[in-house]
Amino acid sequence: MLELDGIYRGSTALDPKLRAKIRWTVASANRCGYGMAYAVADLRAAGADEEEIAALQSSRTDLPARERARWTSLGK
């Protein structure tokens, strides 16, 4: 699992901010505080500011309708 995580985090297939946001979303869905904290650290390392991090952790009402619909379908 750690090897797979290392490969994924080092991949250049996706933008580093997007990778961190995906990781945070998955950790949030799994209710894993450790994973969420690591994703936020990765997001900061990728250059995100506090406003961008706060938006990720918000109620998601400011997301585009299509993304908000995905969250709603997950029960968020």
N, C-alpha and C. Protein backbone atom coordinates (compact mmCIF):
# COMPACT_ATOMS: atom_id res chain seq x y z
N MET A 1 0.82 -1.18 0.00
CA MET A 1 0.00 0.00 0.00
C MET A 1 0.87 1.26 0.00
N LEU A 2 1.92 1.26 0.81
CA LEU A 2 2.81 2.42 0.86
C LEU A 2 3.55 2.60 -0.47
N GLU A 3 3.93 1.51 -1.09
CA GLU A 3 4.62 1.59 -2.38
C GLU A 3 3.70 2.20 -3.44
N LEU A 4 2.45 1.75 -3.46
CA LEU A 4 1.47 2.29 -4.41
C LEU A 4 1.24 3.77 -4.14
N ASP A 5 1.13 4.15 -2.88
CA ASP A 5 0.94 5.55 -2.52
C ASP A 5 2.13 6.39 -3.00
N GLY A 6 3.33 5.89 -2.81
CA GLY A 6 4.52 6.61 -3.25
C GLY A 6 4.57 6.81 -4.75
N ILE A 7 4.18 5.79 -5.47
CA ILE A 7 4.14 5.88 -6.94
C ILE A 7 3.12 6.92 -7.37
N TYR A 8 1.94 6.87 -6.76
CA TYR A 8 0.87 7.79 -7.13
C TYR A 8 1.26 9.23 -6.80
N ARG A 9 1.81 9.46 -5.61
CA ARG A 9 2.16 10.81 -5.20
C ARG A 9 3.29 11.39 -6.04
N GLY A 10 4.13 10.54 -6.60
CA GLY A 10 5.24 11.01 -7.43
C GLY A 10 4.92 11.07 -8.90
N SER A 11 3.72 10.68 -9.28
CA SER A 11 3.33 10.66 -10.68
C SER A 11 3.21 12.07 -11.26
N THR A 12 3.51 12.19 -12.51
CA THR A 12 3.33 13.47 -13.20
C THR A 12 2.10 13.45 -14.11
N ALA A 13 1.29 12.40 -14.00
CA ALA A 13 0.11 12.27 -14.86
C ALA A 13 -0.95 13.32 -14.52
N LEU A 14 -1.00 13.75 -13.27
CA LEU A 14 -1.96 14.77 -12.86
C LEU A 14 -1.23 15.93 -12.21
N ASP A 15 -1.84 17.09 -12.26
CA ASP A 15 -1.32 18.27 -11.59
C ASP A 15 -1.20 17.98 -10.09
N PRO A 16 -0.13 18.41 -9.44
CA PRO A 16 0.06 18.13 -8.01
C PRO A 16 -1.08 18.63 -7.13
N LYS A 17 -1.64 19.78 -7.44
CA LYS A 17 -2.78 20.27 -6.65
C LYS A 17 -3.99 19.36 -6.82
N LEU A 18 -4.24 18.94 -8.04
CA LEU A 18 -5.37 18.05 -8.29
C LEU A 18 -5.17 16.72 -7.57
N ARG A 19 -3.95 16.18 -7.60
CA ARG A 19 -3.67 14.94 -6.88
C ARG A 19 -3.97 15.09 -5.39
N ALA A 20 -3.53 16.20 -4.82
CA ALA A 20 -3.76 16.43 -3.39
C ALA A 20 -5.25 16.57 -3.09
N LYS A 21 -5.98 17.25 -3.96
CA LYS A 21 -7.42 17.41 -3.75
C LYS A 21 -8.14 16.06 -3.85
N ILE A 22 -7.72 15.23 -4.77
CA ILE A 22 -8.32 13.90 -4.89
C ILE A 22 -8.04 13.09 -3.65
N ARG A 23 -6.80 13.14 -3.17
CA ARG A 23 -6.42 12.41 -1.95
C ARG A 23 -7.24 12.88 -0.76
N TRP A 24 -7.43 14.21 -0.65
CA TRP A 24 -8.21 14.75 0.46
C TRP A 24 -9.66 14.27 0.37
N THR A 25 -10.21 14.29 -0.82
CA THR A 25 -11.60 13.86 -1.02
C THR A 25 -11.79 12.41 -0.62
N VAL A 26 -10.87 11.56 -1.03
CA VAL A 26 -10.96 10.14 -0.67
C VAL A 26 -10.80 9.96 0.83
N ALA A 27 -9.84 10.65 1.42
CA ALA A 27 -9.63 10.55 2.87
C ALA A 27 -10.85 11.05 3.62
N SER A 28 -11.46 12.12 3.13
CA SER A 28 -12.67 12.66 3.76
C SER A 28 -13.81 11.65 3.68
N ALA A 29 -13.98 11.04 2.52
CA ALA A 29 -15.04 10.03 2.36
C ALA A 29 -14.81 8.84 3.29
N ASN A 30 -13.54 8.53 3.55
CA ASN A 30 -13.20 7.43 4.45
C ASN A 30 -13.11 7.87 5.90
N ARG A 31 -13.34 9.15 6.14
CA ARG A 31 -13.24 9.73 7.48
C ARG A 31 -11.89 9.46 8.12
N CYS A 32 -10.84 9.69 7.33
CA CYS A 32 -9.47 9.43 7.77
C CYS A 32 -8.75 10.76 7.97
N GLY A 33 -8.70 11.22 9.22
CA GLY A 33 -8.06 12.48 9.54
C GLY A 33 -6.60 12.52 9.15
N TYR A 34 -5.90 11.41 9.33
CA TYR A 34 -4.49 11.32 8.97
C TYR A 34 -4.31 11.56 7.47
N GLY A 35 -5.12 10.89 6.66
CA GLY A 35 -5.04 11.04 5.21
C GLY A 35 -5.40 12.45 4.77
N MET A 36 -6.38 13.05 5.43
CA MET A 36 -6.77 14.42 5.10
C MET A 36 -5.63 15.39 5.43
N ALA A 37 -4.99 15.19 6.58
CA ALA A 37 -3.89 16.06 6.97
C ALA A 37 -2.72 15.94 5.99
N TYR A 38 -2.43 14.73 5.58
CA TYR A 38 -1.36 14.53 4.61
C TYR A 38 -1.69 15.17 3.27
N ALA A 39 -2.94 15.07 2.85
CA ALA A 39 -3.36 15.68 1.59
C ALA A 39 -3.24 17.20 1.66
N VAL A 40 -3.60 17.78 2.80
CA VAL A 40 -3.47 19.23 2.97
C VAL A 40 -1.99 19.62 2.91
N ALA A 41 -1.12 18.83 3.53
CA ALA A 41 0.32 19.10 3.47
C ALA A 41 0.81 19.03 2.03
N ASP A 42 0.34 18.04 1.28
CA ASP A 42 0.71 17.93 -0.14
C ASP A 42 0.19 19.12 -0.93
N LEU A 43 -1.02 19.57 -0.60
CA LEU A 43 -1.61 20.71 -1.30
C LEU A 43 -0.79 21.97 -1.03
N ARG A 44 -0.38 22.17 0.21
CA ARG A 44 0.47 23.32 0.54
C ARG A 44 1.80 23.23 -0.20
N ALA A 45 2.37 22.04 -0.23
CA ALA A 45 3.66 21.85 -0.92
C ALA A 45 3.53 22.13 -2.42
N ALA A 46 2.33 21.93 -2.95
CA ALA A 46 2.09 22.18 -4.38
C ALA A 46 1.82 23.66 -4.65
N GLY A 47 1.78 24.47 -3.59
CA GLY A 47 1.62 25.91 -3.78
C GLY A 47 0.25 26.47 -3.49
N ALA A 48 -0.63 25.68 -2.91
CA ALA A 48 -1.98 26.17 -2.61
C ALA A 48 -1.92 27.15 -1.44
N ASP A 49 -2.77 28.16 -1.48
CA ASP A 49 -2.85 29.09 -0.37
C ASP A 49 -3.95 28.66 0.59
N GLU A 50 -4.04 29.33 1.71
CA GLU A 50 -5.01 28.95 2.75
C GLU A 50 -6.45 29.06 2.26
N GLU A 51 -6.71 30.01 1.37
CA GLU A 51 -8.06 30.17 0.82
C GLU A 51 -8.47 28.94 0.00
N GLU A 52 -7.55 28.45 -0.78
CA GLU A 52 -7.82 27.26 -1.60
C GLU A 52 -8.04 26.03 -0.72
N ILE A 53 -7.28 25.93 0.34
CA ILE A 53 -7.43 24.80 1.27
C ILE A 53 -8.76 24.91 2.00
N ALA A 54 -9.12 26.11 2.43
CA ALA A 54 -10.39 26.31 3.11
C ALA A 54 -11.56 25.98 2.20
N ALA A 55 -11.44 26.32 0.92
CA ALA A 55 -12.51 26.01 -0.04
C ALA A 55 -12.69 24.51 -0.18
N LEU A 56 -11.60 23.78 -0.16
CA LEU A 56 -11.68 22.32 -0.25
C LEU A 56 -12.41 21.74 0.96
N GLN A 57 -12.16 22.32 2.12
CA GLN A 57 -12.73 21.80 3.35
C GLN A 57 -14.11 22.38 3.66
N SER A 58 -14.61 23.27 2.82
CA SER A 58 -15.89 23.94 3.07
C SER A 58 -17.07 23.02 2.77
N SER A 59 -18.23 23.60 2.80
CA SER A 59 -19.45 22.84 2.54
C SER A 59 -19.65 22.54 1.06
N ARG A 60 -18.77 23.03 0.23
CA ARG A 60 -18.76 22.79 -1.21
C ARG A 60 -19.90 23.49 -1.95
N THR A 61 -20.53 24.48 -1.34
CA THR A 61 -21.60 25.20 -2.03
C THR A 61 -21.07 26.07 -3.14
N ASP A 62 -19.76 26.36 -3.12
CA ASP A 62 -19.18 27.20 -4.16
C ASP A 62 -18.62 26.39 -5.33
N LEU A 63 -18.78 25.08 -5.28
CA LEU A 63 -18.32 24.24 -6.38
C LEU A 63 -19.26 24.35 -7.57
N PRO A 64 -18.76 24.10 -8.77
CA PRO A 64 -19.65 24.05 -9.93
C PRO A 64 -20.73 22.98 -9.72
N ALA A 65 -21.87 23.18 -10.33
CA ALA A 65 -23.02 22.29 -10.13
C ALA A 65 -22.68 20.83 -10.37
N ARG A 66 -21.88 20.56 -11.39
CA ARG A 66 -21.54 19.17 -11.71
C ARG A 66 -20.74 18.51 -10.58
N GLU A 67 -19.76 19.22 -10.03
CA GLU A 67 -18.99 18.67 -8.92
C GLU A 67 -19.83 18.55 -7.66
N ARG A 68 -20.68 19.55 -7.41
CA ARG A 68 -21.56 19.51 -6.24
C ARG A 68 -22.49 18.30 -6.32
N ALA A 69 -22.96 17.98 -7.53
CA ALA A 69 -23.84 16.83 -7.72
C ALA A 69 -23.13 15.53 -7.35
N ARG A 70 -21.85 15.44 -7.68
CA ARG A 70 -21.08 14.26 -7.31
C ARG A 70 -21.00 14.12 -5.80
N TRP A 71 -20.74 15.22 -5.11
CA TRP A 71 -20.66 15.18 -3.65
C TRP A 71 -22.01 14.80 -3.06
N THR A 72 -23.08 15.36 -3.61
CA THR A 72 -24.42 15.06 -3.10
C THR A 72 -24.71 13.58 -3.25
N SER A 73 -24.31 13.00 -4.38
CA SER A 73 -24.55 11.58 -4.59
C SER A 73 -23.78 10.71 -3.62
N LEU A 74 -22.70 11.25 -3.03
CA LEU A 74 -21.91 10.52 -2.04
C LEU A 74 -22.44 10.74 -0.62
N GLY A 75 -23.49 11.56 -0.51
CA GLY A 75 -24.06 11.80 0.80
C GLY A 75 -23.33 12.86 1.59
N LYS A 76 -22.62 13.74 0.92
CA LYS A 76 -21.85 14.80 1.62
C LYS A 76 -22.70 16.03 1.80
